[in-house]
């Protein structure tokens, strides 16, 4: 007989059909949990990737900085020897007698020659990042100056460089050799002025 016969009783639902409404929510929960787990895993991987990128950038920057420093200051020892030669040239120029009327022409030419050589030498050093700094009149700075003696002075605030025995030299902004200086101090009240108190003249 045809199943469309209304006189026949309706078919009983099968076990699979009866169970499907109950299992559908479980399947949805499993899918949502799986999606959440994948999203968390993706977020963790993204975080790790960003950390790795940042670390690589730091390593590159550090390596570049170290290479630049090595290149910039590799000549430091040689530069110290060069500035010693420059100081000797200055001492030679200072040892010449001061200009005077009627002096021999040979002396005048010698002085001018020394001065010209010194100017050229200083310009050459400056083109290579080596600079000479005269600290006279500046406040004493232990990072740049080496105090060789103290001198009482009412004309200068205490701690002022009143005289430079040698100039300071820097290489690309970094101290190459400190200046050896005389530093002012306050006069003793009621006492005789003391021209200079020697600390150390060995240099």
C-alpha atoms as a PDB file:
ATOM      1  CA  UNK A   1       0.000   0.000   0.000  1.00  0.00           C
ATOM      2  CA  UNK A   2       1.123   3.478  -0.738  1.00  0.00           C
ATOM      3  CA  UNK A   3       2.780   5.393   2.108  1.00  0.00           C
ATOM      4  CA  UNK A   4       0.544   8.318   1.195  1.00  0.00           C
ATOM      5  CA  UNK A   5      -2.474   6.483   2.514  1.00  0.00           C
ATOM      6  CA  UNK A   6      -3.898   8.636   5.306  1.00  0.00           C
ATOM      7  CA  UNK A   7      -5.379   5.593   6.961  1.00  0.00           C
ATOM      8  CA  UNK A   8      -1.986   4.247   7.834  1.00  0.00           C
ATOM      9  CA  UNK A   9      -0.409   5.427  11.148  1.00  0.00           C
ATOM     10  CA  UNK A  10       2.488   7.888  10.908  1.00  0.00           C
ATOM     11  CA  UNK A  11       5.924   6.338  10.902  1.00  0.00           C
ATOM     12  CA  UNK A  12       7.830   6.422  14.156  1.00  0.00           C
ATOM     13  CA  UNK A  13      10.899   8.737  14.102  1.00  0.00           C
ATOM     14  CA  UNK A  14      14.149   6.845  13.846  1.00  0.00           C
ATOM     15  CA  UNK A  15      16.818   7.017  16.577  1.00  0.00           C
ATOM     16  CA  UNK A  16      19.096   9.127  14.388  1.00  0.00           C
ATOM     17  CA  UNK A  17      16.295  11.593  13.657  1.00  0.00           C
ATOM     18  CA  UNK A  18      15.369  11.884  17.314  1.00  0.00           C
ATOM     19  CA  UNK A  19      18.950  12.463  18.413  1.00  0.00           C
ATOM     20  CA  UNK A  20      19.833  15.160  15.855  1.00  0.00           C
ATOM     21  CA  UNK A  21      18.340  18.130  17.763  1.00  0.00           C
ATOM     22  CA  UNK A  22      20.403  17.197  20.817  1.00  0.00           C
ATOM     23  CA  UNK A  23      23.692  16.770  18.953  1.00  0.00           C
ATOM     24  CA  UNK A  24      23.457  19.985  16.905  1.00  0.00           C
ATOM     25  CA  UNK A  25      24.360  22.297  19.814  1.00  0.00           C
ATOM     26  CA  UNK A  26      27.329  20.084  20.694  1.00  0.00           C
ATOM     27  CA  UNK A  27      28.686  20.359  17.150  1.00  0.00           C
ATOM     28  CA  UNK A  28      28.322  24.152  17.245  1.00  0.00           C
ATOM     29  CA  UNK A  29      30.150  24.350  20.554  1.00  0.00           C
ATOM     30  CA  UNK A  30      32.990  22.225  19.203  1.00  0.00           C
ATOM     31  CA  UNK A  31      33.354  24.465  16.145  1.00  0.00           C
ATOM     32  CA  UNK A  32      33.375  27.637  18.264  1.00  0.00           C
ATOM     33  CA  UNK A  33      35.989  26.166  20.574  1.00  0.00           C
ATOM     34  CA  UNK A  34      38.108  25.144  17.610  1.00  0.00           C
ATOM     35  CA  UNK A  35      37.869  28.639  16.105  1.00  0.00           C
ATOM     36  CA  UNK A  36      38.808  30.224  19.436  1.00  0.00           C
ATOM     37  CA  UNK A  37      41.803  27.905  19.743  1.00  0.00           C
ATOM     38  CA  UNK A  38      42.949  28.740  16.208  1.00  0.00           C
ATOM     39  CA  UNK A  39      42.560  32.464  16.865  1.00  0.00           C
ATOM     40  CA  UNK A  40      44.604  32.173  20.065  1.00  0.00           C
ATOM     41  CA  UNK A  41      47.281  30.195  18.232  1.00  0.00           C
ATOM     42  CA  UNK A  42      47.341  32.772  15.436  1.00  0.00           C
ATOM     43  CA  UNK A  43      47.659  35.617  17.959  1.00  0.00           C
ATOM     44  CA  UNK A  44      50.530  33.842  19.718  1.00  0.00           C
ATOM     45  CA  UNK A  45      52.339  33.227  16.427  1.00  0.00           C
ATOM     46  CA  UNK A  46      51.875  36.874  15.450  1.00  0.00           C
ATOM     47  CA  UNK A  47      53.289  37.981  18.805  1.00  0.00           C
ATOM     48  CA  UNK A  48      56.305  35.706  18.376  1.00  0.00           C
ATOM     49  CA  UNK A  49      56.866  37.000  14.855  1.00  0.00           C
ATOM     50  CA  UNK A  50      56.743  40.629  16.016  1.00  0.00           C
ATOM     51  CA  UNK A  51      59.193  39.875  18.840  1.00  0.00           C
ATOM     52  CA  UNK A  52      61.551  38.167  16.399  1.00  0.00           C
ATOM     53  CA  UNK A  53      61.357  41.135  14.016  1.00  0.00           C
ATOM     54  CA  UNK A  54      62.132  43.546  16.862  1.00  0.00           C
ATOM     55  CA  UNK A  55      65.096  41.428  17.984  1.00  0.00           C
ATOM     56  CA  UNK A  56      66.471  41.292  14.431  1.00  0.00           C
ATOM     57  CA  UNK A  57      66.153  45.081  14.140  1.00  0.00           C
ATOM     58  CA  UNK A  58      67.990  45.507  17.455  1.00  0.00           C
ATOM     59  CA  UNK A  59      70.791  43.173  16.374  1.00  0.00           C
ATOM     60  CA  UNK A  60      71.182  45.036  13.080  1.00  0.00           C
ATOM     61  CA  UNK A  61      71.257  48.430  14.809  1.00  0.00           C
ATOM     62  CA  UNK A  62      73.756  47.205  17.410  1.00  0.00           C
ATOM     63  CA  UNK A  63      75.983  45.694  14.737  1.00  0.00           C
ATOM     64  CA  UNK A  64      75.922  48.878  12.660  1.00  0.00           C
ATOM     65  CA  UNK A  65      76.754  50.963  15.733  1.00  0.00           C
ATOM     66  CA  UNK A  66      79.694  48.721  16.621  1.00  0.00           C
ATOM     67  CA  UNK A  67      81.030  48.829  13.064  1.00  0.00           C
ATOM     68  CA  UNK A  68      80.690  52.619  12.973  1.00  0.00           C
ATOM     69  CA  UNK A  69      82.478  52.950  16.317  1.00  0.00           C
ATOM     70  CA  UNK A  70      85.289  50.669  15.220  1.00  0.00           C
ATOM     71  CA  UNK A  71      85.704  52.573  11.968  1.00  0.00           C
ATOM     72  CA  UNK A  72      85.498  55.977  13.660  1.00  0.00           C
ATOM     73  CA  UNK A  73      87.947  55.323  16.477  1.00  0.00           C
ATOM     74  CA  UNK A  74      90.303  52.763  14.948  1.00  0.00           C
ATOM     75  CA  UNK A  75      92.827  55.545  14.359  1.00  0.00           C
ATOM     76  CA  UNK A  76      92.730  56.720  17.977  1.00  0.00           C
ATOM     77  CA  UNK A  77      96.249  55.570  18.855  1.00  0.00           C
ATOM     78  CA  UNK A  78      97.669  57.066  15.676  1.00  0.00           C
ATOM     79  CA  UNK A  79      95.758  60.302  16.351  1.00  0.00           C
ATOM     80  CA  UNK A  80      97.373  60.615  19.794  1.00  0.00           C
ATOM     81  CA  UNK A  81     100.811  60.466  18.192  1.00  0.00           C
ATOM     82  CA  UNK A  82      99.765  63.020  15.597  1.00  0.00           C
ATOM     83  CA  UNK A  83      98.546  65.554  18.171  1.00  0.00           C
ATOM     84  CA  UNK A  84     101.823  65.158  20.049  1.00  0.00           C
ATOM     85  CA  UNK A  85     103.583  66.179  16.855  1.00  0.00           C
ATOM     86  CA  UNK A  86     101.215  69.139  16.531  1.00  0.00           C
ATOM     87  CA  UNK A  87     102.045  70.222  20.080  1.00  0.00           C
ATOM     88  CA  UNK A  88     105.761  69.971  19.365  1.00  0.00           C
ATOM     89  CA  UNK A  89     105.255  72.171  16.332  1.00  0.00           C
ATOM     90  CA  UNK A  90     103.475  74.721  18.518  1.00  0.00           C
ATOM     91  CA  UNK A  91     106.302  74.594  21.065  1.00  0.00           C
ATOM     92  CA  UNK A  92     108.801  75.231  18.298  1.00  0.00           C
ATOM     93  CA  UNK A  93     106.802  78.246  17.153  1.00  0.00           C
ATOM     94  CA  UNK A  94     106.514  79.565  20.708  1.00  0.00           C
ATOM     95  CA  UNK A  95     110.257  79.224  21.217  1.00  0.00           C
ATOM     96  CA  UNK A  96     111.005  81.756  18.498  1.00  0.00           C
ATOM     97  CA  UNK A  97     111.673  85.305  19.677  1.00  0.00           C
ATOM     98  CA  UNK A  98     108.725  87.689  19.349  1.00  0.00           C
ATOM     99  CA  UNK A  99     108.639  89.829  16.210  1.00  0.00           C
ATOM    100  CA  UNK A 100     110.629  93.050  16.493  1.00  0.00           C
ATOM    101  CA  UNK A 101     111.558  95.881  14.234  1.00  0.00           C
ATOM    102  CA  UNK A 102     114.798  95.360  12.394  1.00  0.00           C
ATOM    103  CA  UNK A 103     115.051  91.640  13.037  1.00  0.00           C
ATOM    104  CA  UNK A 104     116.861  89.554  10.408  1.00  0.00           C
ATOM    105  CA  UNK A 105     114.695  88.616   7.458  1.00  0.00           C
ATOM    106  CA  UNK A 106     115.640  84.966   7.928  1.00  0.00           C
ATOM    107  CA  UNK A 107     114.043  84.958  11.387  1.00  0.00           C
ATOM    108  CA  UNK A 108     110.872  86.572  10.040  1.00  0.00           C
ATOM    109  CA  UNK A 109     110.622  83.989   7.281  1.00  0.00           C
ATOM    110  CA  UNK A 110     111.270  81.162   9.719  1.00  0.00           C
ATOM    111  CA  UNK A 111     108.460  82.378  11.987  1.00  0.00           C
ATOM    112  CA  UNK A 112     106.063  82.768   9.078  1.00  0.00           C
ATOM    113  CA  UNK A 113     107.032  79.348   7.777  1.00  0.00           C
ATOM    114  CA  UNK A 114     106.399  77.691  11.150  1.00  0.00           C
ATOM    115  CA  UNK A 115     103.056  79.473  11.444  1.00  0.00           C
ATOM    116  CA  UNK A 116     102.014  78.417   7.940  1.00  0.00           C
ATOM    117  CA  UNK A 117     102.951  74.794   8.557  1.00  0.00           C
ATOM    118  CA  UNK A 118     101.028  74.787  11.834  1.00  0.00           C
ATOM    119  CA  UNK A 119      97.889  76.239  10.203  1.00  0.00           C
ATOM    120  CA  UNK A 120      98.014  73.650   7.428  1.00  0.00           C
ATOM    121  CA  UNK A 121      98.605  70.833   9.903  1.00  0.00           C
ATOM    122  CA  UNK A 122      95.700  71.899  12.136  1.00  0.00           C
ATOM    123  CA  UNK A 123      93.409  72.200   9.093  1.00  0.00           C
ATOM    124  CA  UNK A 124      94.426  68.697   7.994  1.00  0.00           C
ATOM    125  CA  UNK A 125      93.624  67.295  11.439  1.00  0.00           C
ATOM    126  CA  UNK A 126      90.251  69.050  11.541  1.00  0.00           C
ATOM    127  CA  UNK A 127      89.285  67.556   8.175  1.00  0.00           C
ATOM    128  CA  UNK A 128      89.825  64.157   9.769  1.00  0.00           C
ATOM    129  CA  UNK A 129      87.777  64.881  12.892  1.00  0.00           C
ATOM    130  CA  UNK A 130      90.665  65.855  15.200  1.00  0.00           C
ATOM    131  CA  UNK A 131      90.115  69.213  16.898  1.00  0.00           C
ATOM    132  CA  UNK A 132      92.219  71.351  19.186  1.00  0.00           C
ATOM    133  CA  UNK A 133      90.459  73.198  22.010  1.00  0.00           C
ATOM    134  CA  UNK A 134      91.971  75.968  24.117  1.00  0.00           C
ATOM    135  CA  UNK A 135      90.292  75.847  27.563  1.00  0.00           C
ATOM    136  CA  UNK A 136      91.689  79.160  28.839  1.00  0.00           C
ATOM    137  CA  UNK A 137      88.929  81.084  30.633  1.00  0.00           C
ATOM    138  CA  UNK A 138      86.545  78.118  30.758  1.00  0.00           C
ATOM    139  CA  UNK A 139      85.309  76.474  33.967  1.00  0.00           C
ATOM    140  CA  UNK A 140      87.451  73.522  34.991  1.00  0.00           C
ATOM    141  CA  UNK A 141      85.947  70.268  33.706  1.00  0.00           C
ATOM    142  CA  UNK A 142      87.585  67.069  35.010  1.00  0.00           C
ATOM    143  CA  UNK A 143      86.296  65.245  31.935  1.00  0.00           C
ATOM    144  CA  UNK A 144      88.308  67.523  29.635  1.00  0.00           C
ATOM    145  CA  UNK A 145      91.037  69.049  31.783  1.00  0.00           C
ATOM    146  CA  UNK A 146      93.865  67.780  33.960  1.00  0.00           C
ATOM    147  CA  UNK A 147      94.716  70.237  36.750  1.00  0.00           C
ATOM    148  CA  UNK A 148      98.470  70.574  37.052  1.00  0.00           C
ATOM    149  CA  UNK A 149      98.513  73.472  39.518  1.00  0.00           C
ATOM    150  CA  UNK A 150      96.322  75.997  41.321  1.00  0.00           C
ATOM    151  CA  UNK A 151      96.714  79.756  41.359  1.00  0.00           C
ATOM    152  CA  UNK A 152      95.093  82.258  43.696  1.00  0.00           C
ATOM    153  CA  UNK A 153      93.137  84.793  41.695  1.00  0.00           C
ATOM    154  CA  UNK A 154      90.736  87.561  42.614  1.00  0.00           C
ATOM    155  CA  UNK A 155      90.086  88.225  38.929  1.00  0.00           C
ATOM    156  CA  UNK A 156      88.571  84.805  38.214  1.00  0.00           C
ATOM    157  CA  UNK A 157      85.908  82.723  39.960  1.00  0.00           C
ATOM    158  CA  UNK A 158      87.360  79.692  41.732  1.00  0.00           C
ATOM    159  CA  UNK A 159      87.662  76.718  39.440  1.00  0.00           C
ATOM    160  CA  UNK A 160      88.435  78.706  36.278  1.00  0.00           C
ATOM    161  CA  UNK A 161      91.162  77.652  33.861  1.00  0.00           C
ATOM    162  CA  UNK A 162      93.572  80.600  33.920  1.00  0.00           C
ATOM    163  CA  UNK A 163      96.312  79.037  31.826  1.00  0.00           C
ATOM    164  CA  UNK A 164      96.638  76.021  29.539  1.00  0.00           C
ATOM    165  CA  UNK A 165     100.004  74.295  29.369  1.00  0.00           C
ATOM    166  CA  UNK A 166      98.645  72.086  26.600  1.00  0.00           C
ATOM    167  CA  UNK A 167      95.393  72.186  24.660  1.00  0.00           C
ATOM    168  CA  UNK A 168      92.675  69.552  24.756  1.00  0.00           C
ATOM    169  CA  UNK A 169      92.283  67.349  21.694  1.00  0.00           C
ATOM    170  CA  UNK A 170      89.138  65.511  20.589  1.00  0.00           C
ATOM    171  CA  UNK A 171      88.518  62.901  17.921  1.00  0.00           C
ATOM    172  CA  UNK A 172      85.029  63.111  16.402  1.00  0.00           C
ATOM    173  CA  UNK A 173      83.742  64.651  19.616  1.00  0.00           C
ATOM    174  CA  UNK A 174      85.378  62.082  21.903  1.00  0.00           C
ATOM    175  CA  UNK A 175      88.213  63.168  24.192  1.00  0.00           C
ATOM    176  CA  UNK A 176      91.565  62.151  22.768  1.00  0.00           C
ATOM    177  CA  UNK A 177      93.814  63.888  25.281  1.00  0.00           C
ATOM    178  CA  UNK A 178      92.908  66.225  28.162  1.00  0.00           C
ATOM    179  CA  UNK A 179      94.308  69.728  28.463  1.00  0.00           C
ATOM    180  CA  UNK A 180      96.893  70.298  31.184  1.00  0.00           C
ATOM    181  CA  UNK A 181      95.819  73.458  32.949  1.00  0.00           C
ATOM    182  CA  UNK A 182      96.300  75.892  35.816  1.00  0.00           C
ATOM    183  CA  UNK A 183      93.112  76.415  37.834  1.00  0.00           C
ATOM    184  CA  UNK A 184      92.164  79.475  39.871  1.00  0.00           C
ATOM    185  CA  UNK A 185      91.291  79.343  43.551  1.00  0.00           C
ATOM    186  CA  UNK A 186      90.042  81.965  45.994  1.00  0.00           C
ATOM    187  CA  UNK A 187      92.764  84.088  47.633  1.00  0.00           C
ATOM    188  CA  UNK A 188      93.493  83.413  51.290  1.00  0.00           C
ATOM    189  CA  UNK A 189      91.774  86.088  53.385  1.00  0.00           C
ATOM    190  CA  UNK A 190      94.323  88.487  54.891  1.00  0.00           C
ATOM    191  CA  UNK A 191      97.248  86.622  53.433  1.00  0.00           C
ATOM    192  CA  UNK A 192      99.810  87.505  50.846  1.00  0.00           C
ATOM    193  CA  UNK A 193      98.731  86.506  47.349  1.00  0.00           C
ATOM    194  CA  UNK A 194     100.374  83.301  46.217  1.00  0.00           C
ATOM    195  CA  UNK A 195     101.150  83.229  42.544  1.00  0.00           C
ATOM    196  CA  UNK A 196     100.946  79.491  42.098  1.00  0.00           C
ATOM    197  CA  UNK A 197     100.711  76.283  44.101  1.00  0.00           C
ATOM    198  CA  UNK A 198     102.309  73.520  42.103  1.00  0.00           C
ATOM    199  CA  UNK A 199     100.568  70.155  42.143  1.00  0.00           C
ATOM    200  CA  UNK A 200     102.434  68.294  39.456  1.00  0.00           C
ATOM    201  CA  UNK A 201     104.414  69.386  36.462  1.00  0.00           C
ATOM    202  CA  UNK A 202     105.258  65.957  35.130  1.00  0.00           C
ATOM    203  CA  UNK A 203     103.681  65.497  31.724  1.00  0.00           C
END
